[in-house]
Amino acid sequence: MIRYLDMFAGIGGFRSGLERVGGFECVGYCEIDKFAKQAYEALYDTSKEEYFDDARKIIPEGLPDIDLICGGFP
């Protein structure tokens, strides 16, 4: 299983694709926009994942164990 961090997650475009392919596990996500975060959490079960509100505040040593970082763009 490839563990990944969903950066600039939006409403989960990358996550949707990775879930369809299979073999990926989201362990955390980052999204600063409160409305996009609400949509993301309505679409996906994020209860066991770490949430980061601002990428600028992330301390790399505090990240969960990951194999992949995916990042959306505006």
PDB file of N, CA and C in Angstrom:
ATOM      1  N   MET A   1       0.845  -1.173   0.000  1.00  0.00           N
ATOM      2  CA  MET A   1       0.000   0.000   0.000  1.00  0.00           C
ATOM      3  C   MET A   1       0.895   1.242   0.000  1.00  0.00           C
ATOM      4  N   ILE A   2       0.631   2.149  -0.889  1.00  0.00           N
ATOM      5  CA  ILE A   2       1.377   3.402  -0.975  1.00  0.00           C
ATOM      6  C   ILE A   2       0.632   4.457  -0.158  1.00  0.00           C
ATOM      7  N   ARG A   3       1.320   4.972   0.853  1.00  0.00           N
ATOM      8  CA  ARG A   3       0.726   5.975   1.745  1.00  0.00           C
ATOM      9  C   ARG A   3       1.054   7.366   1.199  1.00  0.00           C
ATOM     10  N   TYR A   4       0.024   8.215   1.097  1.00  0.00           N
ATOM     11  CA  TYR A   4       0.267   9.532   0.516  1.00  0.00           C
ATOM     12  C   TYR A   4      -0.354  10.661   1.317  1.00  0.00           C
ATOM     13  N   LEU A   5       0.182  11.862   1.079  1.00  0.00           N
ATOM     14  CA  LEU A   5      -0.308  13.100   1.668  1.00  0.00           C
ATOM     15  C   LEU A   5      -0.920  13.914   0.538  1.00  0.00           C
ATOM     16  N   ASP A   6      -2.154  14.332   0.720  1.00  0.00           N
ATOM     17  CA  ASP A   6      -2.899  15.090  -0.289  1.00  0.00           C
ATOM     18  C   ASP A   6      -2.762  16.585   0.011  1.00  0.00           C
ATOM     19  N   MET A   7      -1.810  17.234  -0.643  1.00  0.00           N
ATOM     20  CA  MET A   7      -1.558  18.663  -0.434  1.00  0.00           C
ATOM     21  C   MET A   7      -2.447  19.495  -1.353  1.00  0.00           C
ATOM     22  N   PHE A   8      -2.869  20.658  -0.849  1.00  0.00           N
ATOM     23  CA  PHE A   8      -3.730  21.562  -1.618  1.00  0.00           C
ATOM     24  C   PHE A   8      -4.890  20.746  -2.191  1.00  0.00           C
ATOM     25  N   ALA A   9      -5.544  20.020  -1.294  1.00  0.00           N
ATOM     26  CA  ALA A   9      -6.472  18.947  -1.642  1.00  0.00           C
ATOM     27  C   ALA A   9      -7.718  19.390  -2.403  1.00  0.00           C
ATOM     28  N   GLY A  10      -8.149  20.628  -2.223  1.00  0.00           N
ATOM     29  CA  GLY A  10      -9.376  21.058  -2.882  1.00  0.00           C
ATOM     30  C   GLY A  10     -10.526  20.163  -2.463  1.00  0.00           C
ATOM     31  N   ILE A  11     -11.264  19.657  -3.437  1.00  0.00           N
ATOM     32  CA  ILE A  11     -12.356  18.736  -3.112  1.00  0.00           C
ATOM     33  C   ILE A  11     -11.976  17.283  -3.404  1.00  0.00           C
ATOM     34  N   GLY A  12     -10.690  17.042  -3.662  1.00  0.00           N
ATOM     35  CA  GLY A  12     -10.214  15.663  -3.738  1.00  0.00           C
ATOM     36  C   GLY A  12      -9.998  15.087  -5.123  1.00  0.00           C
ATOM     37  N   GLY A  13      -9.626  15.892  -6.089  1.00  0.00           N
ATOM     38  CA  GLY A  13      -9.400  15.391  -7.445  1.00  0.00           C
ATOM     39  C   GLY A  13      -8.342  14.303  -7.521  1.00  0.00           C
ATOM     40  N   PHE A  14      -7.179  14.550  -6.921  1.00  0.00           N
ATOM     41  CA  PHE A  14      -6.131  13.532  -6.924  1.00  0.00           C
ATOM     42  C   PHE A  14      -6.581  12.302  -6.154  1.00  0.00           C
ATOM     43  N   ARG A  15      -7.217  12.523  -5.042  1.00  0.00           N
ATOM     44  CA  ARG A  15      -7.663  11.403  -4.211  1.00  0.00           C
ATOM     45  C   ARG A  15      -8.648  10.517  -4.963  1.00  0.00           C
ATOM     46  N   SER A  16      -9.568  11.121  -5.673  1.00  0.00           N
ATOM     47  CA  SER A  16     -10.542  10.341  -6.452  1.00  0.00           C
ATOM     48  C   SER A  16      -9.834   9.415  -7.428  1.00  0.00           C
ATOM     49  N   GLY A  17      -8.839   9.956  -8.127  1.00  0.00           N
ATOM     50  CA  GLY A  17      -8.093   9.148  -9.088  1.00  0.00           C
ATOM     51  C   GLY A  17      -7.310   8.027  -8.428  1.00  0.00           C
ATOM     52  N   LEU A  18      -6.638   8.342  -7.331  1.00  0.00           N
ATOM     53  CA  LEU A  18      -5.853   7.320  -6.633  1.00  0.00           C
ATOM     54  C   LEU A  18      -6.736   6.233  -6.039  1.00  0.00           C
ATOM     55  N   GLU A  19      -7.912   6.605  -5.550  1.00  0.00           N
ATOM     56  CA  GLU A  19      -8.825   5.591  -5.018  1.00  0.00           C
ATOM     57  C   GLU A  19      -9.335   4.669  -6.119  1.00  0.00           C
ATOM     58  N   ARG A  20      -9.567   5.217  -7.299  1.00  0.00           N
ATOM     59  CA  ARG A  20     -10.039   4.377  -8.419  1.00  0.00           C
ATOM     60  C   ARG A  20      -8.973   3.395  -8.871  1.00  0.00           C
ATOM     61  N   VAL A  21      -7.720   3.841  -8.876  1.00  0.00           N
ATOM     62  CA  VAL A  21      -6.618   2.964  -9.279  1.00  0.00           C
ATOM     63  C   VAL A  21      -6.407   1.863  -8.241  1.00  0.00           C
ATOM     64  N   GLY A  22      -6.504   2.228  -6.961  1.00  0.00           N
ATOM     65  CA  GLY A  22      -6.303   1.271  -5.876  1.00  0.00           C
ATOM     66  C   GLY A  22      -4.854   1.164  -5.461  1.00  0.00           C
ATOM     67  N   GLY A  23      -4.632   0.665  -4.268  1.00  0.00           N
ATOM     68  CA  GLY A  23      -3.276   0.474  -3.763  1.00  0.00           C
ATOM     69  C   GLY A  23      -2.695   1.705  -3.088  1.00  0.00           C
ATOM     70  N   PHE A  24      -3.525   2.726  -2.854  1.00  0.00           N
ATOM     71  CA  PHE A  24      -3.085   3.957  -2.213  1.00  0.00           C
ATOM     72  C   PHE A  24      -3.892   4.196  -0.947  1.00  0.00           C
ATOM     73  N   GLU A  25      -3.230   4.749   0.067  1.00  0.00           N
ATOM     74  CA  GLU A  25      -3.891   5.082   1.323  1.00  0.00           C
ATOM     75  C   GLU A  25      -3.572   6.519   1.681  1.00  0.00           C
ATOM     76  N   CYS A  26      -4.588   7.347   1.819  1.00  0.00           N
ATOM     77  CA  CYS A  26      -4.398   8.731   2.216  1.00  0.00           C
ATOM     78  C   CYS A  26      -4.206   8.773   3.726  1.00  0.00           C
ATOM     79  N   VAL A  27      -3.103   9.367   4.167  1.00  0.00           N
ATOM     80  CA  VAL A  27      -2.830   9.449   5.600  1.00  0.00           C
ATOM     81  C   VAL A  27      -2.941  10.874   6.128  1.00  0.00           C
ATOM     82  N   GLY A  28      -3.116  11.836   5.218  1.00  0.00           N
ATOM     83  CA  GLY A  28      -3.266  13.220   5.633  1.00  0.00           C
ATOM     84  C   GLY A  28      -3.595  14.099   4.449  1.00  0.00           C
ATOM     85  N   TYR A  29      -4.141  15.266   4.762  1.00  0.00           N
ATOM     86  CA  TYR A  29      -4.510  16.210   3.708  1.00  0.00           C
ATOM     87  C   TYR A  29      -4.338  17.636   4.203  1.00  0.00           C
ATOM     88  N   CYS A  30      -4.151  18.541   3.261  1.00  0.00           N
ATOM     89  CA  CYS A  30      -3.938  19.946   3.559  1.00  0.00           C
ATOM     90  C   CYS A  30      -4.822  20.781   2.638  1.00  0.00           C
ATOM     91  N   GLU A  31      -5.640  21.620   3.248  1.00  0.00           N
ATOM     92  CA  GLU A  31      -6.499  22.520   2.464  1.00  0.00           C
ATOM     93  C   GLU A  31      -6.840  23.733   3.317  1.00  0.00           C
ATOM     94  N   ILE A  32      -6.521  24.907   2.811  1.00  0.00           N
ATOM     95  CA  ILE A  32      -6.733  26.140   3.562  1.00  0.00           C
ATOM     96  C   ILE A  32      -8.146  26.700   3.394  1.00  0.00           C
ATOM     97  N   ASP A  33      -8.787  26.411   2.266  1.00  0.00           N
ATOM     98  CA  ASP A  33     -10.125  26.949   2.000  1.00  0.00           C
ATOM     99  C   ASP A  33     -11.175  26.151   2.783  1.00  0.00           C
ATOM    100  N   LYS A  34     -11.911  26.847   3.650  1.00  0.00           N
ATOM    101  CA  LYS A  34     -12.843  26.138   4.533  1.00  0.00           C
ATOM    102  C   LYS A  34     -13.980  25.453   3.781  1.00  0.00           C
ATOM    103  N   PHE A  35     -14.403  26.021   2.657  1.00  0.00           N
ATOM    104  CA  PHE A  35     -15.496  25.413   1.904  1.00  0.00           C
ATOM    105  C   PHE A  35     -15.025  24.175   1.135  1.00  0.00           C
ATOM    106  N   ALA A  36     -13.820  24.234   0.593  1.00  0.00           N
ATOM    107  CA  ALA A  36     -13.248  23.059  -0.066  1.00  0.00           C
ATOM    108  C   ALA A  36     -13.032  21.948   0.956  1.00  0.00           C
ATOM    109  N   LYS A  37     -12.576  22.314   2.153  1.00  0.00           N
ATOM    110  CA  LYS A  37     -12.373  21.329   3.229  1.00  0.00           C
ATOM    111  C   LYS A  37     -13.701  20.669   3.610  1.00  0.00           C
ATOM    112  N   GLN A  38     -14.762  21.449   3.703  1.00  0.00           N
ATOM    113  CA  GLN A  38     -16.071  20.887   4.034  1.00  0.00           C
ATOM    114  C   GLN A  38     -16.518  19.886   2.968  1.00  0.00           C
ATOM    115  N   ALA A  39     -16.319  20.229   1.706  1.00  0.00           N
ATOM    116  CA  ALA A  39     -16.688  19.319   0.621  1.00  0.00           C
ATOM    117  C   ALA A  39     -15.839  18.050   0.671  1.00  0.00           C
ATOM    118  N   TYR A  40     -14.534  18.210   0.872  1.00  0.00           N
ATOM    119  CA  TYR A  40     -13.613  17.073   0.954  1.00  0.00           C
ATOM    120  C   TYR A  40     -14.050  16.110   2.054  1.00  0.00           C
ATOM    121  N   GLU A  41     -14.353  16.665   3.215  1.00  0.00           N
ATOM    122  CA  GLU A  41     -14.744  15.824   4.344  1.00  0.00           C
ATOM    123  C   GLU A  41     -16.124  15.205   4.163  1.00  0.00           C
ATOM    124  N   ALA A  42     -16.969  15.813   3.344  1.00  0.00           N
ATOM    125  CA  ALA A  42     -18.270  15.215   3.036  1.00  0.00           C
ATOM    126  C   ALA A  42     -18.116  14.052   2.061  1.00  0.00           C
ATOM    127  N   LEU A  43     -17.108  14.125   1.197  1.00  0.00           N
ATOM    128  CA  LEU A  43     -16.892  13.097   0.184  1.00  0.00           C
ATOM    129  C   LEU A  43     -16.074  11.906   0.689  1.00  0.00           C
ATOM    130  N   TYR A  44     -15.164  12.143   1.629  1.00  0.00           N
ATOM    131  CA  TYR A  44     -14.218  11.105   2.061  1.00  0.00           C
ATOM    132  C   TYR A  44     -14.223  10.952   3.575  1.00  0.00           C
ATOM    133  N   ASP A  45     -13.960   9.748   4.024  1.00  0.00           N
ATOM    134  CA  ASP A  45     -13.822   9.486   5.455  1.00  0.00           C
ATOM    135  C   ASP A  45     -12.410   9.892   5.868  1.00  0.00           C
ATOM    136  N   THR A  46     -12.300  11.018   6.526  1.00  0.00           N
ATOM    137  CA  THR A  46     -10.995  11.540   6.926  1.00  0.00           C
ATOM    138  C   THR A  46     -10.734  11.365   8.429  1.00  0.00           C
ATOM    139  N   SER A  47     -11.548  10.587   9.081  1.00  0.00           N
ATOM    140  CA  SER A  47     -11.479  10.477  10.539  1.00  0.00           C
ATOM    141  C   SER A  47     -10.137   9.960  11.064  1.00  0.00           C
ATOM    142  N   LYS A  48      -9.413   9.183  10.276  1.00  0.00           N
ATOM    143  CA  LYS A  48      -8.140   8.618  10.736  1.00  0.00           C
ATOM    144  C   LYS A  48      -6.941   9.325  10.105  1.00  0.00           C
ATOM    145  N   GLU A  49      -7.184  10.463   9.475  1.00  0.00           N
ATOM    146  CA  GLU A  49      -6.125  11.176   8.757  1.00  0.00           C
ATOM    147  C   GLU A  49      -5.746  12.464   9.470  1.00  0.00           C
ATOM    148  N   GLU A  50      -4.498  12.880   9.273  1.00  0.00           N
ATOM    149  CA  GLU A  50      -4.049  14.155   9.817  1.00  0.00           C
ATOM    150  C   GLU A  50      -4.509  15.271   8.894  1.00  0.00           C
ATOM    151  N   TYR A  51      -4.893  16.388   9.497  1.00  0.00           N
ATOM    152  CA  TYR A  51      -5.327  17.547   8.719  1.00  0.00           C
ATOM    153  C   TYR A  51      -4.367  18.702   8.978  1.00  0.00           C
ATOM    154  N   PHE A  52      -3.980  19.355   7.893  1.00  0.00           N
ATOM    155  CA  PHE A  52      -3.138  20.548   7.958  1.00  0.00           C
ATOM    156  C   PHE A  52      -3.892  21.673   7.259  1.00  0.00           C
ATOM    157  N   ASP A  53      -4.058  22.800   7.947  1.00  0.00           N
ATOM    158  CA  ASP A  53      -4.825  23.886   7.353  1.00  0.00           C
ATOM    159  C   ASP A  53      -3.980  24.794   6.464  1.00  0.00           C
ATOM    160  N   ASP A  54      -2.690  24.858   6.713  1.00  0.00           N
ATOM    161  CA  ASP A  54      -1.836  25.787   5.974  1.00  0.00           C
ATOM    162  C   ASP A  54      -0.488  25.117   5.706  1.00  0.00           C
ATOM    163  N   ALA A  55      -0.165  24.947   4.455  1.00  0.00           N
ATOM    164  CA  ALA A  55       1.079  24.268   4.074  1.00  0.00           C
ATOM    165  C   ALA A  55       2.311  24.987   4.620  1.00  0.00           C
ATOM    166  N   ARG A  56       2.206  26.281   4.805  1.00  0.00           N
ATOM    167  CA  ARG A  56       3.352  27.056   5.306  1.00  0.00           C
ATOM    168  C   ARG A  56       3.665  26.743   6.764  1.00  0.00           C
ATOM    169  N   LYS A  57       2.733  26.147   7.470  1.00  0.00           N
ATOM    170  CA  LYS A  57       2.921  25.839   8.889  1.00  0.00           C
ATOM    171  C   LYS A  57       3.372  24.391   9.129  1.00  0.00           C
ATOM    172  N   ILE A  58       3.450  23.602   8.084  1.00  0.00           N
ATOM    173  CA  ILE A  58       3.812  22.190   8.248  1.00  0.00           C
ATOM    174  C   ILE A  58       5.288  22.048   8.590  1.00  0.00           C
ATOM    175  N   ILE A  59       5.560  21.286   9.622  1.00  0.00           N
ATOM    176  CA  ILE A  59       6.931  20.955  10.006  1.00  0.00           C
ATOM    177  C   ILE A  59       7.201  19.560   9.455  1.00  0.00           C
ATOM    178  N   PRO A  60       8.125  19.443   8.490  1.00  0.00           N
ATOM    179  CA  PRO A  60       8.353  18.151   7.825  1.00  0.00           C
ATOM    180  C   PRO A  60       8.560  16.980   8.785  1.00  0.00           C
ATOM    181  N   GLU A  61       9.257  17.209   9.890  1.00  0.00           N
ATOM    182  CA  GLU A  61       9.505  16.129  10.848  1.00  0.00           C
ATOM    183  C   GLU A  61       8.212  15.666  11.531  1.00  0.00           C
ATOM    184  N   GLY A  62       7.162  16.476  11.458  1.00  0.00           N
ATOM    185  CA  GLY A  62       5.899  16.123  12.083  1.00  0.00           C
ATOM    186  C   GLY A  62       4.919  15.432  11.154  1.00  0.00           C
ATOM    187  N   LEU A  63       5.331  15.208   9.912  1.00  0.00           N
ATOM    188  CA  LEU A  63       4.450  14.543   8.951  1.00  0.00           C
ATOM    189  C   LEU A  63       4.320  13.049   9.259  1.00  0.00           C
ATOM    190  N   PRO A  64       3.183  12.480   8.908  1.00  0.00           N
ATOM    191  CA  PRO A  64       3.052  11.023   9.061  1.00  0.00           C
ATOM    192  C   PRO A  64       3.991  10.320   8.077  1.00  0.00           C
ATOM    193  N   ASP A  65       4.192   9.034   8.262  1.00  0.00           N
ATOM    194  CA  ASP A  65       5.022   8.238   7.364  1.00  0.00           C
ATOM    195  C   ASP A  65       4.341   8.174   5.990  1.00  0.00           C
ATOM    196  N   ILE A  66       4.986   8.712   4.966  1.00  0.00           N
ATOM    197  CA  ILE A  66       4.388   8.754   3.620  1.00  0.00           C
ATOM    198  C   ILE A  66       5.386   8.290   2.574  1.00  0.00           C
ATOM    199  N   ASP A  67       4.821   7.816   1.447  1.00  0.00           N
ATOM    200  CA  ASP A  67       5.620   7.417   0.302  1.00  0.00           C
ATOM    201  C   ASP A  67       5.483   8.416  -0.849  1.00  0.00           C
ATOM    202  N   LEU A  68       4.403   9.201  -0.823  1.00  0.00           N
ATOM    203  CA  LEU A  68       4.070  10.058  -1.954  1.00  0.00           C
ATOM    204  C   LEU A  68       3.381  11.323  -1.464  1.00  0.00           C
ATOM    205  N   ILE A  69       3.713  12.431  -2.097  1.00  0.00           N
ATOM    206  CA  ILE A  69       3.000  13.688  -1.861  1.00  0.00           C
ATOM    207  C   ILE A  69       2.370  14.081  -3.190  1.00  0.00           C
ATOM    208  N   CYS A  70       1.055  14.266  -3.191  1.00  0.00           N
ATOM    209  CA  CYS A  70       0.412  14.772  -4.397  1.00  0.00           C
ATOM    210  C   CYS A  70      -0.092  16.180  -4.080  1.00  0.00           C
ATOM    211  N   GLY A  71      -0.119  17.032  -5.092  1.00  0.00           N
ATOM    212  CA  GLY A  71      -0.507  18.415  -4.847  1.00  0.00           C
ATOM    213  C   GLY A  71      -1.370  18.956  -5.974  1.00  0.00           C
ATOM    214  N   GLY A  72      -2.514  19.453  -5.604  1.00  0.00           N
ATOM    215  CA  GLY A  72      -3.398  20.089  -6.576  1.00  0.00           C
ATOM    216  C   GLY A  72      -2.914  21.500  -6.877  1.00  0.00           C
ATOM    217  N   PHE A  73      -3.484  22.078  -7.881  1.00  0.00           N
ATOM    218  CA  PHE A  73      -3.116  23.442  -8.250  1.00  0.00           C
ATOM    219  C   PHE A  73      -4.385  24.251  -8.490  1.00  0.00           C
ATOM    220  N   PRO A  74      -4.296  25.560  -8.326  1.00  0.00           N
ATOM    221  CA  PRO A  74      -5.505  26.396  -8.500  1.00  0.00           C
ATOM    222  C   PRO A  74      -6.025  26.393  -9.922  1.00  0.00           C
TER     223      PRO A  74
END
